[in-house]
């Protein structure tokens, strides 16, 4: 403990000028403010301020007297006590936990119980949305904790409550998220394009079975793609273009992307599907990046072959790094969202990887899970409150 350090706490009615009055008094007496956090919640004010009196002649009794006078003026209760440096860690492993879903009693009690059971300290907690859907952001100190075990406990909590969660590393010095990359099929759109093409070609059941095996990671993705595409031989370019009119965007996708663009984000889609459909999505959603497989089409007819390299799990992961380099940002500033096994490297290489109604194999590679039918909730995992 250092005798010259004190912590001032304040609780009461929020009033304009309060912080200015207090800080001005301290400055006049050559008292330095070394840390401060103040917040107003629905007209109720809280503040914590660490001060250094080394260059001042004021005693604790004199400070207490001044604070007592201020409490009458502002209808705020002040408390001052010596600051124990032993309670402040210089190095902390900080993470940000975000929760969202339908409001119900006991949510905070259950999640704080998990943190308490792991001896995790809550540094900061705030609501960023309240209404039909609530969202809460919690900054926690995970020093000396097994993060894999904590993630598993949080996933079990999500399964039991139906609430969506994410857990990401907190870095006060990294730049803000700047790029969001989505998978296409069963993420940005509700269908699997190759399955829909297979129905038109009359091989729907065969292709659907291979698609499900590939998404679960049971068969090699490249092999599965080539086999499925070979069954599409004979489809016409007209049939491909007609398909775009029958595909449905995932609820919330269009609104979310418009909001991200308004806020300055770049948005892209990286797909193991086909470029003809990506080009349609790019026009509709004003996408900044699109990557997909190129069907070979000769005389307006699909040959059953793919041109060039296949966009598989490894390629998706590599594209995250390529996009970061092109944008001159860190991969930590990229958010990736997907649902299947071939999205695992994409999510791992991004700063925040979100599984959208993910297959079981992807859950273990995700920083967060959205099980809701809508993509709108991604904004809360980005720390964007409703009011923004």
Protein backbone atom coordinates (compact mmCIF):
# COMPACT_ATOMS: atom_id res chain seq x y z
CA UNK A 1 0.00 0.00 0.00
CA UNK A 2 1.28 3.50 -0.83
CA UNK A 3 0.21 6.19 1.65
CA UNK A 4 -0.26 8.83 -1.04
CA UNK A 5 -2.78 6.82 -3.13
CA UNK A 6 -6.51 6.96 -2.38
CA UNK A 7 -9.65 5.75 -4.12
CA UNK A 8 -12.76 7.94 -4.24
CA UNK A 9 -16.11 6.32 -5.01
CA UNK A 10 -19.32 8.21 -5.70
CA UNK A 11 -22.94 7.05 -6.04
CA UNK A 12 -26.03 9.19 -6.51
CA UNK A 13 -28.12 11.34 -8.82
CA UNK A 14 -26.48 12.27 -12.11
CA UNK A 15 -25.93 16.04 -12.28
CA UNK A 16 -24.10 18.14 -14.91
CA UNK A 17 -20.86 19.64 -13.59
CA UNK A 18 -20.22 17.05 -10.89
CA UNK A 19 -17.01 15.59 -12.31
CA UNK A 20 -15.78 19.03 -13.33
CA UNK A 21 -16.25 20.46 -9.82
CA UNK A 22 -14.49 17.56 -8.15
CA UNK A 23 -11.59 17.41 -10.62
CA UNK A 24 -11.12 21.20 -10.40
CA UNK A 25 -10.88 21.06 -6.60
CA UNK A 26 -8.27 18.29 -6.81
CA UNK A 27 -6.27 20.15 -9.49
CA UNK A 28 -6.17 23.32 -7.39
CA UNK A 29 -4.54 21.34 -4.59
CA UNK A 30 -2.01 19.68 -6.94
CA UNK A 31 -3.65 16.28 -6.52
CA UNK A 32 -3.19 14.04 -9.55
CA UNK A 33 -5.97 11.78 -10.88
CA UNK A 34 -4.26 8.58 -12.00
CA UNK A 35 -7.34 6.55 -12.94
CA UNK A 36 -11.03 7.28 -13.32
CA UNK A 37 -14.20 5.62 -14.52
CA UNK A 38 -17.61 7.29 -14.41
CA UNK A 39 -20.96 6.16 -15.75
CA UNK A 40 -24.57 7.27 -15.77
CA UNK A 41 -27.28 4.59 -15.94
CA UNK A 42 -30.86 5.85 -16.23
CA UNK A 43 -30.02 9.04 -14.35
CA UNK A 44 -28.04 7.25 -11.63
CA UNK A 45 -24.35 8.17 -11.36
CA UNK A 46 -21.40 6.01 -10.30
CA UNK A 47 -17.72 6.92 -10.32
CA UNK A 48 -14.41 5.52 -9.13
CA UNK A 49 -11.33 7.73 -9.06
CA UNK A 50 -7.79 6.88 -7.95
CA UNK A 51 -5.82 9.93 -6.81
CA UNK A 52 -2.19 10.61 -5.91
CA UNK A 53 -1.61 13.17 -3.12
CA UNK A 54 2.21 12.99 -3.21
CA UNK A 55 2.54 16.61 -4.40
CA UNK A 56 -0.21 17.90 -2.10
CA UNK A 57 -0.37 18.88 1.56
CA UNK A 58 -3.94 17.67 2.00
CA UNK A 59 -4.70 15.08 4.64
CA UNK A 60 -7.34 12.34 4.43
CA UNK A 61 -9.49 14.29 6.90
CA UNK A 62 -9.37 17.42 4.72
CA UNK A 63 -10.29 15.44 1.61
CA UNK A 64 -13.19 13.82 3.44
CA UNK A 65 -14.46 17.25 4.48
CA UNK A 66 -14.39 18.57 0.91
CA UNK A 67 -16.20 15.47 -0.37
CA UNK A 68 -18.84 15.88 2.33
CA UNK A 69 -19.51 19.45 1.12
CA UNK A 70 -19.74 18.25 -2.48
CA UNK A 71 -22.18 15.47 -1.52
CA UNK A 72 -24.69 18.05 -0.23
CA UNK A 73 -24.35 20.17 -3.38
CA UNK A 74 -24.84 17.29 -5.83
CA UNK A 75 -26.95 14.73 -3.92
CA UNK A 76 -24.16 12.19 -4.24
CA UNK A 77 -22.58 10.00 -1.58
CA UNK A 78 -18.78 9.98 -1.56
CA UNK A 79 -16.38 7.59 0.09
CA UNK A 80 -12.58 7.82 0.27
CA UNK A 81 -10.11 5.24 1.50
CA UNK A 82 -6.45 4.30 1.01
CA UNK A 83 -5.80 2.41 -2.22
CA UNK A 84 -4.22 -1.03 -1.79
CA UNK A 85 -1.85 -1.71 -4.68
CA UNK A 86 -1.90 -5.43 -3.85
CA UNK A 87 -5.44 -5.54 -5.23
CA UNK A 88 -4.30 -4.27 -8.63
CA UNK A 89 -2.62 -6.65 -11.05
CA UNK A 90 -0.24 -5.06 -13.50
CA UNK A 91 -0.74 -7.84 -16.08
CA UNK A 92 -4.17 -9.34 -16.66
CA UNK A 93 -5.55 -11.77 -19.19
CA UNK A 94 -8.67 -9.83 -20.10
CA UNK A 95 -11.45 -11.22 -22.25
CA UNK A 96 -14.85 -9.94 -23.35
CA UNK A 97 -17.88 -12.16 -22.90
CA UNK A 98 -21.07 -11.25 -24.76
CA UNK A 99 -24.48 -12.77 -24.21
CA UNK A 100 -27.70 -12.21 -26.12
CA UNK A 101 -31.16 -13.70 -26.40
CA UNK A 102 -34.62 -13.57 -24.91
CA UNK A 103 -34.76 -11.95 -21.48
CA UNK A 104 -35.66 -14.12 -18.50
CA UNK A 105 -35.06 -14.04 -14.71
CA UNK A 106 -31.80 -15.50 -13.44
CA UNK A 107 -29.58 -14.92 -16.48
CA UNK A 108 -27.03 -12.77 -14.66
CA UNK A 109 -27.06 -15.09 -11.63
CA UNK A 110 -26.29 -18.13 -13.80
CA UNK A 111 -23.51 -16.58 -15.82
CA UNK A 112 -21.83 -14.94 -12.82
CA UNK A 113 -22.00 -18.30 -11.06
CA UNK A 114 -19.89 -19.79 -13.86
CA UNK A 115 -17.35 -16.99 -13.51
CA UNK A 116 -17.27 -17.38 -9.72
CA UNK A 117 -16.72 -21.13 -9.99
CA UNK A 118 -13.60 -20.45 -12.06
CA UNK A 119 -12.47 -17.66 -9.71
CA UNK A 120 -12.84 -15.17 -12.55
CA UNK A 121 -13.11 -11.51 -11.62
CA UNK A 122 -15.66 -9.31 -13.39
CA UNK A 123 -13.98 -6.04 -14.37
CA UNK A 124 -16.93 -4.40 -16.14
CA UNK A 125 -20.50 -5.30 -17.04
CA UNK A 126 -22.99 -3.39 -19.18
CA UNK A 127 -26.22 -3.91 -21.08
CA UNK A 128 -25.95 -2.98 -24.77
CA UNK A 129 -29.50 -3.91 -25.78
CA UNK A 130 -32.75 -4.36 -23.91
CA UNK A 131 -36.11 -5.15 -25.43
CA UNK A 132 -37.39 -8.25 -27.18
CA UNK A 133 -33.72 -9.27 -27.37
CA UNK A 134 -31.26 -8.38 -24.62
CA UNK A 135 -27.49 -8.19 -24.99
CA UNK A 136 -24.91 -7.88 -22.24
CA UNK A 137 -21.15 -7.35 -22.45
CA UNK A 138 -18.87 -8.42 -19.59
CA UNK A 139 -15.14 -7.77 -19.33
CA UNK A 140 -13.49 -10.48 -17.25
CA UNK A 141 -10.02 -11.29 -15.91
CA UNK A 142 -9.19 -14.89 -16.87
CA UNK A 143 -5.63 -14.90 -15.49
CA UNK A 144 -4.48 -18.43 -14.55
CA UNK A 145 -7.62 -20.01 -15.99
CA UNK A 146 -8.05 -22.86 -18.45
CA UNK A 147 -9.81 -21.05 -21.31
CA UNK A 148 -10.75 -24.29 -23.08
CA UNK A 149 -12.62 -25.47 -19.99
CA UNK A 150 -14.27 -22.07 -19.58
CA UNK A 151 -15.42 -22.09 -23.22
CA UNK A 152 -16.92 -25.55 -22.75
CA UNK A 153 -18.81 -24.40 -19.65
CA UNK A 154 -20.15 -21.39 -21.56
CA UNK A 155 -21.21 -23.58 -24.50
CA UNK A 156 -23.12 -25.84 -22.09
CA UNK A 157 -24.75 -22.75 -20.60
CA UNK A 158 -25.76 -21.66 -24.12
CA UNK A 159 -27.24 -25.09 -24.88
CA UNK A 160 -29.19 -25.15 -21.61
CA UNK A 161 -30.59 -21.62 -21.84
CA UNK A 162 -30.93 -21.08 -25.59
CA UNK A 163 -28.88 -17.88 -25.23
CA UNK A 164 -26.15 -16.97 -27.74
CA UNK A 165 -22.65 -16.28 -26.42
CA UNK A 166 -19.19 -15.22 -27.49
CA UNK A 167 -15.83 -15.00 -25.72
CA UNK A 168 -12.97 -13.08 -27.24
CA UNK A 169 -9.61 -11.71 -26.13
CA UNK A 170 -9.68 -8.08 -25.05
CA UNK A 171 -6.90 -5.87 -26.38
CA UNK A 172 -7.27 -2.19 -25.57
CA UNK A 173 -4.56 -1.32 -28.10
CA UNK A 174 -5.72 -3.20 -31.18
CA UNK A 175 -7.61 -1.34 -33.87
CA UNK A 176 -11.36 -1.78 -34.23
CA UNK A 177 -12.87 -4.58 -36.28
CA UNK A 178 -12.85 -3.44 -39.88
CA UNK A 179 -13.85 -6.41 -42.07
CA UNK A 180 -16.63 -8.98 -41.67
CA UNK A 181 -16.44 -12.13 -43.80
CA UNK A 182 -19.39 -14.50 -44.12
CA UNK A 183 -19.77 -17.99 -45.44
CA UNK A 184 -22.57 -18.16 -48.00
CA UNK A 185 -24.72 -21.30 -47.88
CA UNK A 186 -26.72 -21.69 -44.64
CA UNK A 187 -25.15 -18.47 -43.35
CA UNK A 188 -25.86 -15.43 -45.55
CA UNK A 189 -28.51 -17.45 -47.38
CA UNK A 190 -30.84 -20.10 -45.99
CA UNK A 191 -30.24 -22.75 -48.62
CA UNK A 192 -27.30 -24.74 -50.03
CA UNK A 193 -26.97 -23.60 -53.65
CA UNK A 194 -25.50 -26.89 -54.84
CA UNK A 195 -28.44 -28.79 -53.35
CA UNK A 196 -30.88 -26.49 -55.15
CA UNK A 197 -29.04 -26.99 -58.44
CA UNK A 198 -29.10 -30.74 -57.87
CA UNK A 199 -32.89 -30.68 -57.53
CA UNK A 200 -33.13 -28.97 -60.91
CA UNK A 201 -30.77 -31.59 -62.38
CA UNK A 202 -32.80 -34.45 -60.86
CA UNK A 203 -30.02 -35.67 -58.53
CA UNK A 204 -31.18 -33.91 -55.36
CA UNK A 205 -30.99 -36.78 -52.86
CA UNK A 206 -27.52 -37.93 -53.96
CA UNK A 207 -26.03 -34.44 -53.73
CA UNK A 208 -27.80 -33.55 -50.48
CA UNK A 209 -26.37 -36.63 -48.76
CA UNK A 210 -22.83 -35.72 -49.87
CA UNK A 211 -23.33 -32.09 -48.79
CA UNK A 212 -24.33 -33.14 -45.28
CA UNK A 213 -21.37 -35.51 -44.98
CA UNK A 214 -18.98 -32.76 -46.11
CA UNK A 215 -20.41 -30.18 -43.70
CA UNK A 216 -19.98 -32.63 -40.82
CA UNK A 217 -16.38 -33.23 -41.90
CA UNK A 218 -16.99 -36.91 -42.67
CA UNK A 219 -15.65 -36.78 -46.25
CA UNK A 220 -12.95 -34.69 -47.92
CA UNK A 221 -14.49 -31.41 -49.08
CA UNK A 222 -12.62 -31.23 -52.40
CA UNK A 223 -13.62 -34.76 -53.32
CA UNK A 224 -17.22 -34.07 -52.35
CA UNK A 225 -17.35 -30.87 -54.44
CA UNK A 226 -15.98 -32.52 -57.57
CA UNK A 227 -18.34 -35.49 -57.28
CA UNK A 228 -21.37 -33.28 -56.74
CA UNK A 229 -20.47 -30.90 -59.55
CA UNK A 230 -20.05 -33.80 -61.96
CA UNK A 231 -23.72 -34.63 -61.37
CA UNK A 232 -24.71 -31.12 -62.49
CA UNK A 233 -23.50 -31.70 -66.06
CA UNK A 234 -26.03 -30.44 -68.57
CA UNK A 235 -27.56 -27.59 -66.54
CA UNK A 236 -27.95 -24.42 -68.61
CA UNK A 237 -26.82 -20.91 -67.80
CA UNK A 238 -30.49 -19.90 -67.90
CA UNK A 239 -31.28 -22.42 -65.18
CA UNK A 240 -28.42 -21.07 -63.03
CA UNK A 241 -29.68 -17.51 -63.36
CA UNK A 242 -33.28 -18.52 -62.60
CA UNK A 243 -32.11 -20.09 -59.35
CA UNK A 244 -31.06 -16.70 -57.97
CA UNK A 245 -34.73 -15.67 -57.83
CA UNK A 246 -35.64 -18.59 -55.54
CA UNK A 247 -32.86 -18.29 -52.93
CA UNK A 248 -33.71 -16.56 -49.62
CA UNK A 249 -31.37 -14.37 -47.60
CA UNK A 250 -31.05 -15.25 -43.92
CA UNK A 251 -33.25 -12.95 -41.77
CA UNK A 252 -31.34 -9.88 -40.64
CA UNK A 253 -28.54 -10.34 -43.20
CA UNK A 254 -29.42 -7.46 -45.50
CA UNK A 255 -30.07 -5.01 -42.65
CA UNK A 256 -26.89 -6.06 -40.86
CA UNK A 257 -24.71 -5.58 -43.93
CA UNK A 258 -26.24 -2.17 -44.63
CA UNK A 259 -25.48 -1.15 -41.03
CA UNK A 260 -21.89 -2.44 -41.27
CA UNK A 261 -21.29 -0.50 -44.47
CA UNK A 262 -22.72 2.64 -42.88
CA UNK A 263 -20.27 2.23 -39.99
CA UNK A 264 -17.31 1.89 -42.36
CA UNK A 265 -16.85 -1.88 -42.36
CA UNK A 266 -15.81 -3.85 -45.43
CA UNK A 267 -17.99 -6.92 -45.97
CA UNK A 268 -17.27 -10.06 -47.98
CA UNK A 269 -18.50 -13.58 -48.66
CA UNK A 270 -16.12 -16.53 -48.98
CA UNK A 271 -17.93 -19.58 -50.32
CA UNK A 272 -17.29 -23.18 -51.25
CA UNK A 273 -20.19 -22.62 -53.66
CA UNK A 274 -20.17 -20.96 -57.05
CA UNK A 275 -19.11 -17.63 -58.48
CA UNK A 276 -22.23 -17.08 -60.59
CA UNK A 277 -24.25 -16.82 -57.37
CA UNK A 278 -21.61 -14.73 -55.60
CA UNK A 279 -21.81 -12.17 -58.39
CA UNK A 280 -25.57 -11.96 -57.86
CA UNK A 281 -25.06 -11.46 -54.10
CA UNK A 282 -22.38 -8.86 -54.69
CA UNK A 283 -24.79 -6.71 -56.68
CA UNK A 284 -27.63 -7.17 -54.21
CA UNK A 285 -25.63 -6.58 -51.01
CA UNK A 286 -22.87 -4.30 -52.34
CA UNK A 287 -20.20 -6.73 -51.14
CA UNK A 288 -16.57 -5.62 -51.08
CA UNK A 289 -15.12 -9.14 -51.47
CA UNK A 290 -16.40 -12.34 -53.06
CA UNK A 291 -14.56 -15.66 -53.43
CA UNK A 292 -16.05 -18.93 -54.74
CA UNK A 293 -15.57 -21.81 -57.16
CA UNK A 294 -15.89 -21.25 -60.89
CA UNK A 295 -18.09 -23.69 -62.77
CA UNK A 296 -16.88 -24.56 -66.26
CA UNK A 297 -19.58 -23.47 -68.72
CA UNK A 298 -19.24 -24.08 -72.46
CA UNK A 299 -21.88 -22.85 -74.90
CA UNK A 300 -24.06 -21.86 -71.91
CA UNK A 301 -24.04 -25.43 -70.53
CA UNK A 302 -22.41 -26.71 -67.32
CA UNK A 303 -19.74 -29.32 -68.14
CA UNK A 304 -19.60 -30.87 -64.67
CA UNK A 305 -16.10 -29.53 -63.99
CA UNK A 306 -14.60 -26.75 -61.85
CA UNK A 307 -12.05 -24.29 -63.19
CA UNK A 308 -8.98 -23.58 -61.07
CA UNK A 309 -8.42 -24.39 -57.40
CA UNK A 310 -11.31 -25.30 -55.13
CA UNK A 311 -12.23 -22.96 -52.28
CA UNK A 312 -11.99 -25.45 -49.41
CA UNK A 313 -11.32 -25.06 -45.68
CA UNK A 314 -7.61 -24.32 -46.14
CA UNK A 315 -8.28 -21.79 -48.89
CA UNK A 316 -10.89 -20.03 -46.76
CA UNK A 317 -8.38 -19.72 -43.93
CA UNK A 318 -5.72 -18.35 -46.28
CA UNK A 319 -8.14 -15.77 -47.68
CA UNK A 320 -8.55 -14.22 -44.22
CA UNK A 321 -4.82 -13.49 -44.20
CA UNK A 322 -4.87 -12.22 -47.80
CA UNK A 323 -7.76 -9.84 -47.06
CA UNK A 324 -5.97 -8.53 -43.95
CA UNK A 325 -2.85 -7.84 -46.02
CA UNK A 326 -4.85 -6.11 -48.73
CA UNK A 327 -6.63 -3.91 -46.16
CA UNK A 328 -3.35 -3.28 -44.30
CA UNK A 329 -4.85 -4.49 -41.01
CA UNK A 330 -4.26 -7.34 -38.57
CA UNK A 331 -6.25 -10.55 -38.92
CA UNK A 332 -7.44 -9.70 -35.39
CA UNK A 333 -9.50 -6.94 -36.98
CA UNK A 334 -11.43 -9.41 -39.14
CA UNK A 335 -14.63 -11.12 -38.04
CA UNK A 336 -15.61 -14.42 -39.70
CA UNK A 337 -19.01 -16.12 -39.61
CA UNK A 338 -19.76 -19.63 -40.84
CA UNK A 339 -21.68 -22.82 -40.12
CA UNK A 340 -19.79 -25.91 -41.32
CA UNK A 341 -16.56 -27.88 -41.10
CA UNK A 342 -15.03 -26.09 -44.10
CA UNK A 343 -15.28 -22.78 -42.19
CA UNK A 344 -13.05 -23.86 -39.30
CA UNK A 345 -9.76 -22.30 -40.53
CA UNK A 346 -11.56 -19.14 -41.57
CA UNK A 347 -12.90 -18.74 -38.03
CA UNK A 348 -9.59 -19.69 -36.42
CA UNK A 349 -7.59 -17.14 -38.43
CA UNK A 350 -10.01 -14.27 -37.76
CA UNK A 351 -9.91 -12.14 -34.63
CA UNK A 352 -13.49 -13.14 -33.85
CA UNK A 353 -14.95 -16.37 -35.24
CA UNK A 354 -18.70 -16.87 -34.92
CA UNK A 355 -20.52 -20.12 -35.62
CA UNK A 356 -24.01 -19.49 -37.04
CA UNK A 357 -26.20 -22.47 -36.06
CA UNK A 358 -22.92 -24.38 -36.41
CA UNK A 359 -22.40 -28.06 -37.04
CA UNK A 360 -20.93 -29.82 -34.01
CA UNK A 361 -17.42 -29.94 -35.49
CA UNK A 362 -17.35 -26.13 -35.84
CA UNK A 363 -18.47 -25.35 -32.28
CA UNK A 364 -15.02 -26.13 -30.91
CA UNK A 365 -13.41 -23.67 -33.34
CA UNK A 366 -15.81 -20.78 -32.59
CA UNK A 367 -15.33 -17.81 -30.29
CA UNK A 368 -19.09 -17.41 -30.21
CA UNK A 369 -22.32 -19.13 -31.19
CA UNK A 370 -25.49 -17.68 -32.74
CA UNK A 371 -28.29 -20.23 -32.66
CA UNK A 372 -31.02 -17.71 -33.49
CA UNK A 373 -32.61 -17.65 -36.95
CA UNK A 374 -31.42 -14.08 -37.54
CA UNK A 375 -27.94 -12.66 -38.18
CA UNK A 376 -28.85 -9.31 -36.61
CA UNK A 377 -27.40 -10.34 -33.26
CA UNK A 378 -23.89 -10.27 -34.71
CA UNK A 379 -23.88 -6.52 -34.04
CA UNK A 380 -23.86 -7.19 -30.29
CA UNK A 381 -20.86 -9.52 -30.61
CA UNK A 382 -19.16 -6.56 -32.32
CA UNK A 383 -20.03 -4.40 -29.30
CA UNK A 384 -22.50 -2.24 -31.28
CA UNK A 385 -25.43 -1.19 -29.06
CA UNK A 386 -28.91 -0.74 -30.48
CA UNK A 387 -28.70 3.04 -30.18
CA UNK A 388 -25.79 3.07 -32.69
